[in-house]
Amino acid sequence: METITEKVVKKSKQSDKLREPGKFKVIFCNDDVTPMEFVIALLMQIFRHNQDSAMEVTMKVHHTGSAVAGVYPFEIAEQKLADATTIARNNGYPLIIKVEPE
């Protein structure tokens, strides 16, 4: 028969496994107002895309309705969403950006 101490030790060992934190996609959604040039600039400024990569993501948003701007740990994804949304709103654009688990 197991003692209480042995049961506690077994449970502790089972829950001590560390998991890698999940990654989250930052997704840009298409709208009929936000200019493509603005989206490209935002991708370069906040998401550190180069000109070609920013253009590729922007064209995918335009043609398919949405595209992944980047994949990050949750806190970074949320901060990039907040920064990009703030810049878009300050410039009068309704750009929709969301964060989803990878």
PDB file of N, CA and C in Angstrom:
ATOM      1  N   MET A   1       0.844  -1.183   0.000  1.00  0.00           N
ATOM      2  CA  MET A   1       0.000   0.000   0.000  1.00  0.00           C
ATOM      3  C   MET A   1       0.895   1.255   0.000  1.00  0.00           C
ATOM      4  N   GLU A   2       0.531   2.236  -0.837  1.00  0.00           N
ATOM      5  CA  GLU A   2       1.324   3.468  -0.936  1.00  0.00           C
ATOM      6  C   GLU A   2       0.995   4.403   0.223  1.00  0.00           C
ATOM      7  N   THR A   3       2.013   5.112   0.645  1.00  0.00           N
ATOM      8  CA  THR A   3       1.794   6.120   1.674  1.00  0.00           C
ATOM      9  C   THR A   3       1.378   7.417   0.992  1.00  0.00           C
ATOM     10  N   ILE A   4       0.914   8.340   1.762  1.00  0.00           N
ATOM     11  CA  ILE A   4       0.515   9.647   1.232  1.00  0.00           C
ATOM     12  C   ILE A   4       1.706  10.338   0.589  1.00  0.00           C
ATOM     13  N   THR A   5       2.867  10.245   1.190  1.00  0.00           N
ATOM     14  CA  THR A   5       4.073  10.866   0.653  1.00  0.00           C
ATOM     15  C   THR A   5       4.412  10.309  -0.719  1.00  0.00           C
ATOM     16  N   GLU A   6       4.311   9.003  -0.897  1.00  0.00           N
ATOM     17  CA  GLU A   6       4.597   8.387  -2.190  1.00  0.00           C
ATOM     18  C   GLU A   6       3.613   8.843  -3.259  1.00  0.00           C
ATOM     19  N   LYS A   7       2.368   9.027  -2.902  1.00  0.00           N
ATOM     20  CA  LYS A   7       1.356   9.499  -3.852  1.00  0.00           C
ATOM     21  C   LYS A   7       1.658  10.931  -4.287  1.00  0.00           C
ATOM     22  N   VAL A   8       2.055  11.770  -3.352  1.00  0.00           N
ATOM     23  CA  VAL A   8       2.378  13.160  -3.658  1.00  0.00           C
ATOM     24  C   VAL A   8       3.588  13.228  -4.586  1.00  0.00           C
ATOM     25  N   VAL A   9       4.612  12.445  -4.309  1.00  0.00           N
ATOM     26  CA  VAL A   9       5.812  12.428  -5.137  1.00  0.00           C
ATOM     27  C   VAL A   9       5.462  11.989  -6.555  1.00  0.00           C
ATOM     28  N   LYS A  10       4.639  10.981  -6.714  1.00  0.00           N
ATOM     29  CA  LYS A  10       4.249  10.515  -8.044  1.00  0.00           C
ATOM     30  C   LYS A  10       3.503  11.608  -8.809  1.00  0.00           C
ATOM     31  N   LYS A  11       2.585  12.276  -8.164  1.00  0.00           N
ATOM     32  CA  LYS A  11       1.828  13.337  -8.832  1.00  0.00           C
ATOM     33  C   LYS A  11       2.740  14.492  -9.212  1.00  0.00           C
ATOM     34  N   SER A  12       3.672  14.856  -8.353  1.00  0.00           N
ATOM     35  CA  SER A  12       4.604  15.941  -8.638  1.00  0.00           C
ATOM     36  C   SER A  12       5.450  15.625  -9.860  1.00  0.00           C
ATOM     37  N   LYS A  13       5.934  14.417  -9.958  1.00  0.00           N
ATOM     38  CA  LYS A  13       6.773  14.031 -11.083  1.00  0.00           C
ATOM     39  C   LYS A  13       5.994  14.088 -12.394  1.00  0.00           C
ATOM     40  N   GLN A  14       4.744  13.751 -12.376  1.00  0.00           N
ATOM     41  CA  GLN A  14       3.940  13.775 -13.590  1.00  0.00           C
ATOM     42  C   GLN A  14       3.680  15.196 -14.077  1.00  0.00           C
ATOM     43  N   SER A  15       3.541  16.143 -13.187  1.00  0.00           N
ATOM     44  CA  SER A  15       3.211  17.504 -13.593  1.00  0.00           C
ATOM     45  C   SER A  15       4.434  18.394 -13.777  1.00  0.00           C
ATOM     46  N   ASP A  16       5.634  17.858 -13.585  1.00  0.00           N
ATOM     47  CA  ASP A  16       6.850  18.658 -13.728  1.00  0.00           C
ATOM     48  C   ASP A  16       7.315  18.810 -15.168  1.00  0.00           C
ATOM     49  N   LYS A  17       6.670  18.175 -16.111  1.00  0.00           N
ATOM     50  CA  LYS A  17       7.076  18.263 -17.508  1.00  0.00           C
ATOM     51  C   LYS A  17       6.790  19.664 -18.033  1.00  0.00           C
ATOM     52  N   LEU A  18       7.795  20.262 -18.641  1.00  0.00           N
ATOM     53  CA  LEU A  18       7.628  21.593 -19.215  1.00  0.00           C
ATOM     54  C   LEU A  18       7.250  21.477 -20.678  1.00  0.00           C
ATOM     55  N   ARG A  19       6.371  22.335 -21.100  1.00  0.00           N
ATOM     56  CA  ARG A  19       5.977  22.364 -22.499  1.00  0.00           C
ATOM     57  C   ARG A  19       6.469  23.658 -23.124  1.00  0.00           C
ATOM     58  N   GLU A  20       6.823  23.562 -24.374  1.00  0.00           N
ATOM     59  CA  GLU A  20       7.214  24.740 -25.140  1.00  0.00           C
ATOM     60  C   GLU A  20       5.989  25.647 -25.274  1.00  0.00           C
ATOM     61  N   PRO A  21       6.155  26.958 -25.048  1.00  0.00           N
ATOM     62  CA  PRO A  21       4.995  27.846 -25.210  1.00  0.00           C
ATOM     63  C   PRO A  21       4.515  27.827 -26.660  1.00  0.00           C
ATOM     64  N   GLY A  22       3.220  27.946 -26.827  1.00  0.00           N
ATOM     65  CA  GLY A  22       2.644  27.908 -28.163  1.00  0.00           C
ATOM     66  C   GLY A  22       2.974  29.150 -28.969  1.00  0.00           C
ATOM     67  N   LYS A  23       2.853  29.020 -30.258  1.00  0.00           N
ATOM     68  CA  LYS A  23       3.062  30.147 -31.171  1.00  0.00           C
ATOM     69  C   LYS A  23       1.700  30.612 -31.689  1.00  0.00           C
ATOM     70  N   PHE A  24       1.639  31.885 -32.043  1.00  0.00           N
ATOM     71  CA  PHE A  24       0.388  32.475 -32.506  1.00  0.00           C
ATOM     72  C   PHE A  24       0.612  33.238 -33.807  1.00  0.00           C
ATOM     73  N   LYS A  25      -0.353  33.085 -34.720  1.00  0.00           N
ATOM     74  CA  LYS A  25      -0.291  33.762 -36.012  1.00  0.00           C
ATOM     75  C   LYS A  25      -0.950  35.132 -35.888  1.00  0.00           C
ATOM     76  N   VAL A  26      -0.303  36.144 -36.457  1.00  0.00           N
ATOM     77  CA  VAL A  26      -0.914  37.464 -36.586  1.00  0.00           C
ATOM     78  C   VAL A  26      -1.427  37.530 -38.019  1.00  0.00           C
ATOM     79  N   ILE A  27      -2.732  37.714 -38.158  1.00  0.00           N
ATOM     80  CA  ILE A  27      -3.387  37.637 -39.466  1.00  0.00           C
ATOM     81  C   ILE A  27      -3.978  38.982 -39.859  1.00  0.00           C
ATOM     82  N   PHE A  28      -3.623  39.447 -41.057  1.00  0.00           N
ATOM     83  CA  PHE A  28      -4.203  40.655 -41.625  1.00  0.00           C
ATOM     84  C   PHE A  28      -5.419  40.243 -42.448  1.00  0.00           C
ATOM     85  N   CYS A  29      -6.518  40.994 -42.314  1.00  0.00           N
ATOM     86  CA  CYS A  29      -7.742  40.716 -43.063  1.00  0.00           C
ATOM     87  C   CYS A  29      -7.999  41.842 -44.064  1.00  0.00           C
ATOM     88  N   ASN A  30      -8.573  41.479 -45.187  1.00  0.00           N
ATOM     89  CA  ASN A  30      -8.828  42.433 -46.259  1.00  0.00           C
ATOM     90  C   ASN A  30      -9.989  43.368 -45.894  1.00  0.00           C
ATOM     91  N   ASP A  31      -9.884  44.588 -46.344  1.00  0.00           N
ATOM     92  CA  ASP A  31     -11.006  45.533 -46.282  1.00  0.00           C
ATOM     93  C   ASP A  31     -10.949  46.377 -47.550  1.00  0.00           C
ATOM     94  N   ASP A  32     -11.991  47.143 -47.786  1.00  0.00           N
ATOM     95  CA  ASP A  32     -12.060  47.936 -49.015  1.00  0.00           C
ATOM     96  C   ASP A  32     -11.566  49.369 -48.838  1.00  0.00           C
ATOM     97  N   VAL A  33     -10.967  49.671 -47.687  1.00  0.00           N
ATOM     98  CA  VAL A  33     -10.576  51.047 -47.398  1.00  0.00           C
ATOM     99  C   VAL A  33      -9.064  51.220 -47.264  1.00  0.00           C
ATOM    100  N   THR A  34      -8.417  50.337 -46.543  1.00  0.00           N
ATOM    101  CA  THR A  34      -6.996  50.480 -46.247  1.00  0.00           C
ATOM    102  C   THR A  34      -6.164  50.297 -47.522  1.00  0.00           C
ATOM    103  N   PRO A  35      -5.360  51.309 -47.891  1.00  0.00           N
ATOM    104  CA  PRO A  35      -4.553  51.198 -49.113  1.00  0.00           C
ATOM    105  C   PRO A  35      -3.452  50.142 -48.981  1.00  0.00           C
ATOM    106  N   MET A  36      -3.147  49.501 -50.094  1.00  0.00           N
ATOM    107  CA  MET A  36      -2.108  48.473 -50.106  1.00  0.00           C
ATOM    108  C   MET A  36      -0.754  49.051 -49.696  1.00  0.00           C
ATOM    109  N   GLU A  37      -0.480  50.277 -50.093  1.00  0.00           N
ATOM    110  CA  GLU A  37       0.798  50.910 -49.742  1.00  0.00           C
ATOM    111  C   GLU A  37       0.935  51.040 -48.223  1.00  0.00           C
ATOM    112  N   PHE A  38      -0.180  51.330 -47.561  1.00  0.00           N
ATOM    113  CA  PHE A  38      -0.158  51.450 -46.099  1.00  0.00           C
ATOM    114  C   PHE A  38       0.104  50.092 -45.457  1.00  0.00           C
ATOM    115  N   VAL A  39      -0.538  49.050 -45.967  1.00  0.00           N
ATOM    116  CA  VAL A  39      -0.348  47.699 -45.435  1.00  0.00           C
ATOM    117  C   VAL A  39       1.113  47.274 -45.610  1.00  0.00           C
ATOM    118  N   ILE A  40       1.677  47.547 -46.769  1.00  0.00           N
ATOM    119  CA  ILE A  40       3.080  47.212 -47.023  1.00  0.00           C
ATOM    120  C   ILE A  40       3.985  47.930 -46.028  1.00  0.00           C
ATOM    121  N   ALA A  41       3.749  49.216 -45.828  1.00  0.00           N
ATOM    122  CA  ALA A  41       4.566  49.990 -44.880  1.00  0.00           C
ATOM    123  C   ALA A  41       4.430  49.448 -43.461  1.00  0.00           C
ATOM    124  N   LEU A  42       3.230  49.070 -43.071  1.00  0.00           N
ATOM    125  CA  LEU A  42       2.982  48.519 -41.737  1.00  0.00           C
ATOM    126  C   LEU A  42       3.708  47.183 -41.554  1.00  0.00           C
ATOM    127  N   LEU A  43       3.648  46.343 -42.572  1.00  0.00           N
ATOM    128  CA  LEU A  43       4.347  45.056 -42.509  1.00  0.00           C
ATOM    129  C   LEU A  43       5.861  45.255 -42.380  1.00  0.00           C
ATOM    130  N   MET A  44       6.375  46.253 -43.048  1.00  0.00           N
ATOM    131  CA  MET A  44       7.811  46.528 -42.973  1.00  0.00           C
ATOM    132  C   MET A  44       8.185  47.141 -41.625  1.00  0.00           C
ATOM    133  N   GLN A  45       7.377  48.045 -41.128  1.00  0.00           N
ATOM    134  CA  GLN A  45       7.687  48.748 -39.882  1.00  0.00           C
ATOM    135  C   GLN A  45       7.492  47.874 -38.642  1.00  0.00           C
ATOM    136  N   ILE A  46       6.357  47.248 -38.499  1.00  0.00           N
ATOM    137  CA  ILE A  46       6.023  46.508 -37.275  1.00  0.00           C
ATOM    138  C   ILE A  46       6.481  45.053 -37.344  1.00  0.00           C
ATOM    139  N   PHE A  47       6.344  44.441 -38.513  1.00  0.00           N
ATOM    140  CA  PHE A  47       6.611  43.006 -38.631  1.00  0.00           C
ATOM    141  C   PHE A  47       7.962  42.703 -39.270  1.00  0.00           C
ATOM    142  N   ARG A  48       8.719  43.744 -39.590  1.00  0.00           N
ATOM    143  CA  ARG A  48      10.087  43.626 -40.104  1.00  0.00           C
ATOM    144  C   ARG A  48      10.203  42.819 -41.403  1.00  0.00           C
ATOM    145  N   HIS A  49       9.182  42.936 -42.259  1.00  0.00           N
ATOM    146  CA  HIS A  49       9.260  42.315 -43.577  1.00  0.00           C
ATOM    147  C   HIS A  49      10.115  43.196 -44.480  1.00  0.00           C
ATOM    148  N   ASN A  50      10.773  42.590 -45.462  1.00  0.00           N
ATOM    149  CA  ASN A  50      11.428  43.400 -46.478  1.00  0.00           C
ATOM    150  C   ASN A  50      10.370  43.777 -47.521  1.00  0.00           C
ATOM    151  N   GLN A  51      10.749  44.599 -48.492  1.00  0.00           N
ATOM    152  CA  GLN A  51       9.792  45.104 -49.487  1.00  0.00           C
ATOM    153  C   GLN A  51       9.086  43.957 -50.216  1.00  0.00           C
ATOM    154  N   ASP A  52       9.844  42.974 -50.685  1.00  0.00           N
ATOM    155  CA  ASP A  52       9.250  41.866 -51.451  1.00  0.00           C
ATOM    156  C   ASP A  52       8.300  41.023 -50.608  1.00  0.00           C
ATOM    157  N   SER A  53       8.716  40.712 -49.395  1.00  0.00           N
ATOM    158  CA  SER A  53       7.884  39.898 -48.507  1.00  0.00           C
ATOM    159  C   SER A  53       6.602  40.646 -48.126  1.00  0.00           C
ATOM    160  N   ALA A  54       6.727  41.936 -47.841  1.00  0.00           N
ATOM    161  CA  ALA A  54       5.557  42.745 -47.491  1.00  0.00           C
ATOM    162  C   ALA A  54       4.575  42.804 -48.664  1.00  0.00           C
ATOM    163  N   MET A  55       5.112  42.924 -49.870  1.00  0.00           N
ATOM    164  CA  MET A  55       4.258  42.962 -51.058  1.00  0.00           C
ATOM    165  C   MET A  55       3.555  41.616 -51.242  1.00  0.00           C
ATOM    166  N   GLU A  56       4.274  40.527 -51.018  1.00  0.00           N
ATOM    167  CA  GLU A  56       3.696  39.191 -51.166  1.00  0.00           C
ATOM    168  C   GLU A  56       2.543  38.965 -50.180  1.00  0.00           C
ATOM    169  N   VAL A  57       2.744  39.348 -48.918  1.00  0.00           N
ATOM    170  CA  VAL A  57       1.691  39.198 -47.907  1.00  0.00           C
ATOM    171  C   VAL A  57       0.492  40.079 -48.267  1.00  0.00           C
ATOM    172  N   THR A  58       0.761  41.308 -48.686  1.00  0.00           N
ATOM    173  CA  THR A  58      -0.314  42.234 -49.050  1.00  0.00           C
ATOM    174  C   THR A  58      -1.137  41.700 -50.219  1.00  0.00           C
ATOM    175  N   MET A  59      -0.476  41.146 -51.204  1.00  0.00           N
ATOM    176  CA  MET A  59      -1.202  40.598 -52.358  1.00  0.00           C
ATOM    177  C   MET A  59      -2.026  39.383 -51.953  1.00  0.00           C
ATOM    178  N   LYS A  60      -1.510  38.579 -51.040  1.00  0.00           N
ATOM    179  CA  LYS A  60      -2.285  37.433 -50.560  1.00  0.00           C
ATOM    180  C   LYS A  60      -3.532  37.914 -49.808  1.00  0.00           C
ATOM    181  N   VAL A  61      -3.383  38.951 -48.983  1.00  0.00           N
ATOM    182  CA  VAL A  61      -4.539  39.529 -48.284  1.00  0.00           C
ATOM    183  C   VAL A  61      -5.561  40.005 -49.315  1.00  0.00           C
ATOM    184  N   HIS A  62      -5.083  40.690 -50.333  1.00  0.00           N
ATOM    185  CA  HIS A  62      -5.960  41.253 -51.362  1.00  0.00           C
ATOM    186  C   HIS A  62      -6.708  40.162 -52.135  1.00  0.00           C
ATOM    187  N   HIS A  63      -6.007  39.095 -52.481  1.00  0.00           N
ATOM    188  CA  HIS A  63      -6.608  38.056 -53.322  1.00  0.00           C
ATOM    189  C   HIS A  63      -7.389  36.989 -52.557  1.00  0.00           C
ATOM    190  N   THR A  64      -6.956  36.652 -51.338  1.00  0.00           N
ATOM    191  CA  THR A  64      -7.615  35.562 -50.612  1.00  0.00           C
ATOM    192  C   THR A  64      -8.430  36.033 -49.409  1.00  0.00           C
ATOM    193  N   GLY A  65      -8.287  37.294 -49.032  1.00  0.00           N
ATOM    194  CA  GLY A  65      -9.065  37.822 -47.913  1.00  0.00           C
ATOM    195  C   GLY A  65      -8.309  37.917 -46.608  1.00  0.00           C
ATOM    196  N   SER A  66      -7.207  37.156 -46.475  1.00  0.00           N
ATOM    197  CA  SER A  66      -6.393  37.250 -45.264  1.00  0.00           C
ATOM    198  C   SER A  66      -5.041  36.601 -45.514  1.00  0.00           C
ATOM    199  N   ALA A  67      -4.076  36.946 -44.668  1.00  0.00           N
ATOM    200  CA  ALA A  67      -2.741  36.353 -44.771  1.00  0.00           C
ATOM    201  C   ALA A  67      -2.027  36.510 -43.443  1.00  0.00           C
ATOM    202  N   VAL A  68      -1.100  35.601 -43.190  1.00  0.00           N
ATOM    203  CA  VAL A  68      -0.321  35.630 -41.952  1.00  0.00           C
ATOM    204  C   VAL A  68       0.829  36.616 -42.109  1.00  0.00           C
ATOM    205  N   ALA A  69       0.885  37.576 -41.197  1.00  0.00           N
ATOM    206  CA  ALA A  69       1.969  38.562 -41.192  1.00  0.00           C
ATOM    207  C   ALA A  69       3.187  38.035 -40.445  1.00  0.00           C
ATOM    208  N   GLY A  70       2.958  37.133 -39.477  1.00  0.00           N
ATOM    209  CA  GLY A  70       4.059  36.566 -38.713  1.00  0.00           C
ATOM    210  C   GLY A  70       3.547  35.600 -37.666  1.00  0.00           C
ATOM    211  N   VAL A  71       4.461  34.813 -37.116  1.00  0.00           N
ATOM    212  CA  VAL A  71       4.137  33.839 -36.072  1.00  0.00           C
ATOM    213  C   VAL A  71       5.067  34.113 -34.896  1.00  0.00           C
ATOM    214  N   TYR A  72       4.475  34.300 -33.703  1.00  0.00           N
ATOM    215  CA  TYR A  72       5.225  34.738 -32.534  1.00  0.00           C
ATOM    216  C   TYR A  72       4.680  34.091 -31.265  1.00  0.00           C
ATOM    217  N   PRO A  73       5.448  34.174 -30.171  1.00  0.00           N
ATOM    218  CA  PRO A  73       4.868  33.835 -28.868  1.00  0.00           C
ATOM    219  C   PRO A  73       3.685  34.771 -28.600  1.00  0.00           C
ATOM    220  N   PHE A  74       2.761  34.349 -27.762  1.00  0.00           N
ATOM    221  CA  PHE A  74       1.503  35.082 -27.568  1.00  0.00           C
ATOM    222  C   PHE A  74       1.703  36.564 -27.241  1.00  0.00           C
ATOM    223  N   GLU A  75       2.563  36.877 -26.285  1.00  0.00           N
ATOM    224  CA  GLU A  75       2.724  38.267 -25.844  1.00  0.00           C
ATOM    225  C   GLU A  75       3.235  39.153 -26.971  1.00  0.00           C
ATOM    226  N   ILE A  76       4.156  38.636 -27.767  1.00  0.00           N
ATOM    227  CA  ILE A  76       4.699  39.415 -28.881  1.00  0.00           C
ATOM    228  C   ILE A  76       3.642  39.589 -29.964  1.00  0.00           C
ATOM    229  N   ALA A  77       2.893  38.529 -30.249  1.00  0.00           N
ATOM    230  CA  ALA A  77       1.813  38.619 -31.243  1.00  0.00           C
ATOM    231  C   ALA A  77       0.782  39.668 -30.826  1.00  0.00           C
ATOM    232  N   GLU A  78       0.394  39.653 -29.565  1.00  0.00           N
ATOM    233  CA  GLU A  78      -0.578  40.636 -29.058  1.00  0.00           C
ATOM    234  C   GLU A  78      -0.032  42.059 -29.151  1.00  0.00           C
ATOM    235  N   GLN A  79       1.246  42.246 -28.841  1.00  0.00           N
ATOM    236  CA  GLN A  79       1.839  43.585 -28.896  1.00  0.00           C
ATOM    237  C   GLN A  79       1.910  44.091 -30.333  1.00  0.00           C
ATOM    238  N   LYS A  80       2.289  43.224 -31.260  1.00  0.00           N
ATOM    239  CA  LYS A  80       2.349  43.627 -32.662  1.00  0.00           C
ATOM    240  C   LYS A  80       0.948  43.956 -33.179  1.00  0.00           C
ATOM    241  N   LEU A  81      -0.055  43.172 -32.778  1.00  0.00           N
ATOM    242  CA  LEU A  81      -1.436  43.474 -33.147  1.00  0.00           C
ATOM    243  C   LEU A  81      -1.828  44.854 -32.622  1.00  0.00           C
ATOM    244  N   ALA A  82      -1.521  45.119 -31.369  1.00  0.00           N
ATOM    245  CA  ALA A  82      -1.884  46.407 -30.759  1.00  0.00           C
ATOM    246  C   ALA A  82      -1.171  47.565 -31.458  1.00  0.00           C
ATOM    247  N   ASP A  83       0.125  47.407 -31.723  1.00  0.00           N
ATOM    248  CA  ASP A  83       0.887  48.481 -32.374  1.00  0.00           C
ATOM    249  C   ASP A  83       0.357  48.759 -33.777  1.00  0.00           C
ATOM    250  N   ALA A  84       0.133  47.695 -34.555  1.00  0.00           N
ATOM    251  CA  ALA A  84      -0.335  47.865 -35.925  1.00  0.00           C
ATOM    252  C   ALA A  84      -1.749  48.448 -35.963  1.00  0.00           C
ATOM    253  N   THR A  85      -2.613  47.994 -35.072  1.00  0.00           N
ATOM    254  CA  THR A  85      -3.987  48.511 -35.022  1.00  0.00           C
ATOM    255  C   THR A  85      -3.995  49.987 -34.630  1.00  0.00           C
ATOM    256  N   THR A  86      -3.171  50.352 -33.673  1.00  0.00           N
ATOM    257  CA  THR A  86      -3.078  51.755 -33.249  1.00  0.00           C
ATOM    258  C   THR A  86      -2.630  52.648 -34.404  1.00  0.00           C
ATOM    259  N   ILE A  87      -1.615  52.223 -35.124  1.00  0.00           N
ATOM    260  CA  ILE A  87      -1.134  53.012 -36.265  1.00  0.00           C
ATOM    261  C   ILE A  87      -2.219  53.118 -37.332  1.00  0.00           C
ATOM    262  N   ALA A  88      -2.904  52.009 -37.615  1.00  0.00           N
ATOM    263  CA  ALA A  88      -3.974  52.035 -38.619  1.00  0.00           C
ATOM    264  C   ALA A  88      -5.088  52.994 -38.204  1.00  0.00           C
ATOM    265  N   ARG A  89      -5.520  52.916 -36.956  1.00  0.00           N
ATOM    266  CA  ARG A  89      -6.606  53.794 -36.487  1.00  0.00           C
ATOM    267  C   ARG A  89      -6.177  55.260 -36.484  1.00  0.00           C
ATOM    268  N   ASN A  90      -4.936  55.514 -36.085  1.00  0.00           N
ATOM    269  CA  ASN A  90      -4.435  56.894 -36.071  1.00  0.00           C
ATOM    270  C   ASN A  90      -4.381  57.492 -37.475  1.00  0.00           C
ATOM    271  N   ASN A  91      -4.306  56.628 -38.478  1.00  0.00           N
ATOM    272  CA  ASN A  91      -4.299  57.081 -39.865  1.00  0.00           C
ATOM    273  C   ASN A  91      -5.671  56.979 -40.517  1.00  0.00           C
ATOM    274  N   GLY A  92      -6.696  56.602 -39.739  1.00  0.00           N
ATOM    275  CA  GLY A  92      -8.062  56.570 -40.229  1.00  0.00           C
ATOM    276  C   GLY A  92      -8.438  55.322 -41.011  1.00  0.00           C
ATOM    277  N   TYR A  93      -7.702  54.212 -40.825  1.00  0.00           N
ATOM    278  CA  TYR A  93      -7.984  52.985 -41.556  1.00  0.00           C
ATOM    279  C   TYR A  93      -8.593  51.921 -40.647  1.00  0.00           C
ATOM    280  N   PRO A  94      -9.572  51.181 -41.153  1.00  0.00           N
ATOM    281  CA  PRO A  94     -10.257  50.158 -40.345  1.00  0.00           C
ATOM    282  C   PRO A  94      -9.617  48.767 -40.443  1.00  0.00           C
ATOM    283  N   LEU A  95      -8.332  48.712 -40.738  1.00  0.00           N
ATOM    284  CA  LEU A  95      -7.640  47.437 -40.929  1.00  0.00           C
ATOM    285  C   LEU A  95      -7.940  46.489 -39.772  1.00  0.00           C
ATOM    286  N   ILE A  96      -8.327  45.267 -40.106  1.00  0.00           N
ATOM    287  CA  ILE A  96      -8.629  44.253 -39.097  1.00  0.00           C
ATOM    288  C   ILE A  96      -7.458  43.287 -39.022  1.00  0.00           C
ATOM    289  N   ILE A  97      -6.944  43.118 -37.816  1.00  0.00           N
ATOM    290  CA  ILE A  97      -5.843  42.200 -37.552  1.00  0.00           C
ATOM    291  C   ILE A  97      -6.271  41.320 -36.403  1.00  0.00           C
ATOM    292  N   LYS A  98      -5.983  40.024 -36.507  1.00  0.00           N
ATOM    293  CA  LYS A  98      -6.353  39.122 -35.416  1.00  0.00           C
ATOM    294  C   LYS A  98      -5.195  38.186 -35.106  1.00  0.00           C
ATOM    295  N   VAL A  99      -5.276  37.575 -33.923  1.00  0.00           N
ATOM    296  CA  VAL A  99      -4.273  36.616 -33.474  1.00  0.00           C
ATOM    297  C   VAL A  99      -4.956  35.277 -33.270  1.00  0.00           C
ATOM    298  N   GLU A 100      -4.363  34.218 -33.821  1.00  0.00           N
ATOM    299  CA  GLU A 100      -4.904  32.862 -33.666  1.00  0.00           C
ATOM    300  C   GLU A 100      -3.771  31.905 -33.328  1.00  0.00           C
ATOM    301  N   PRO A 101      -4.074  30.842 -32.593  1.00  0.00           N
ATOM    302  CA  PRO A 101      -3.049  29.827 -32.324  1.00  0.00           C
ATOM    303  C   PRO A 101      -2.570  29.201 -33.633  1.00  0.00           C
ATOM    304  N   GLU A 102      -1.303  28.856 -33.662  1.00  0.00           N
ATOM    305  CA  GLU A 102      -0.736  28.236 -34.869  1.00  0.00           C
ATOM    306  C   GLU A 102      -1.233  26.812 -35.014  1.00  0.00           C
TER     307      GLU A 102
END
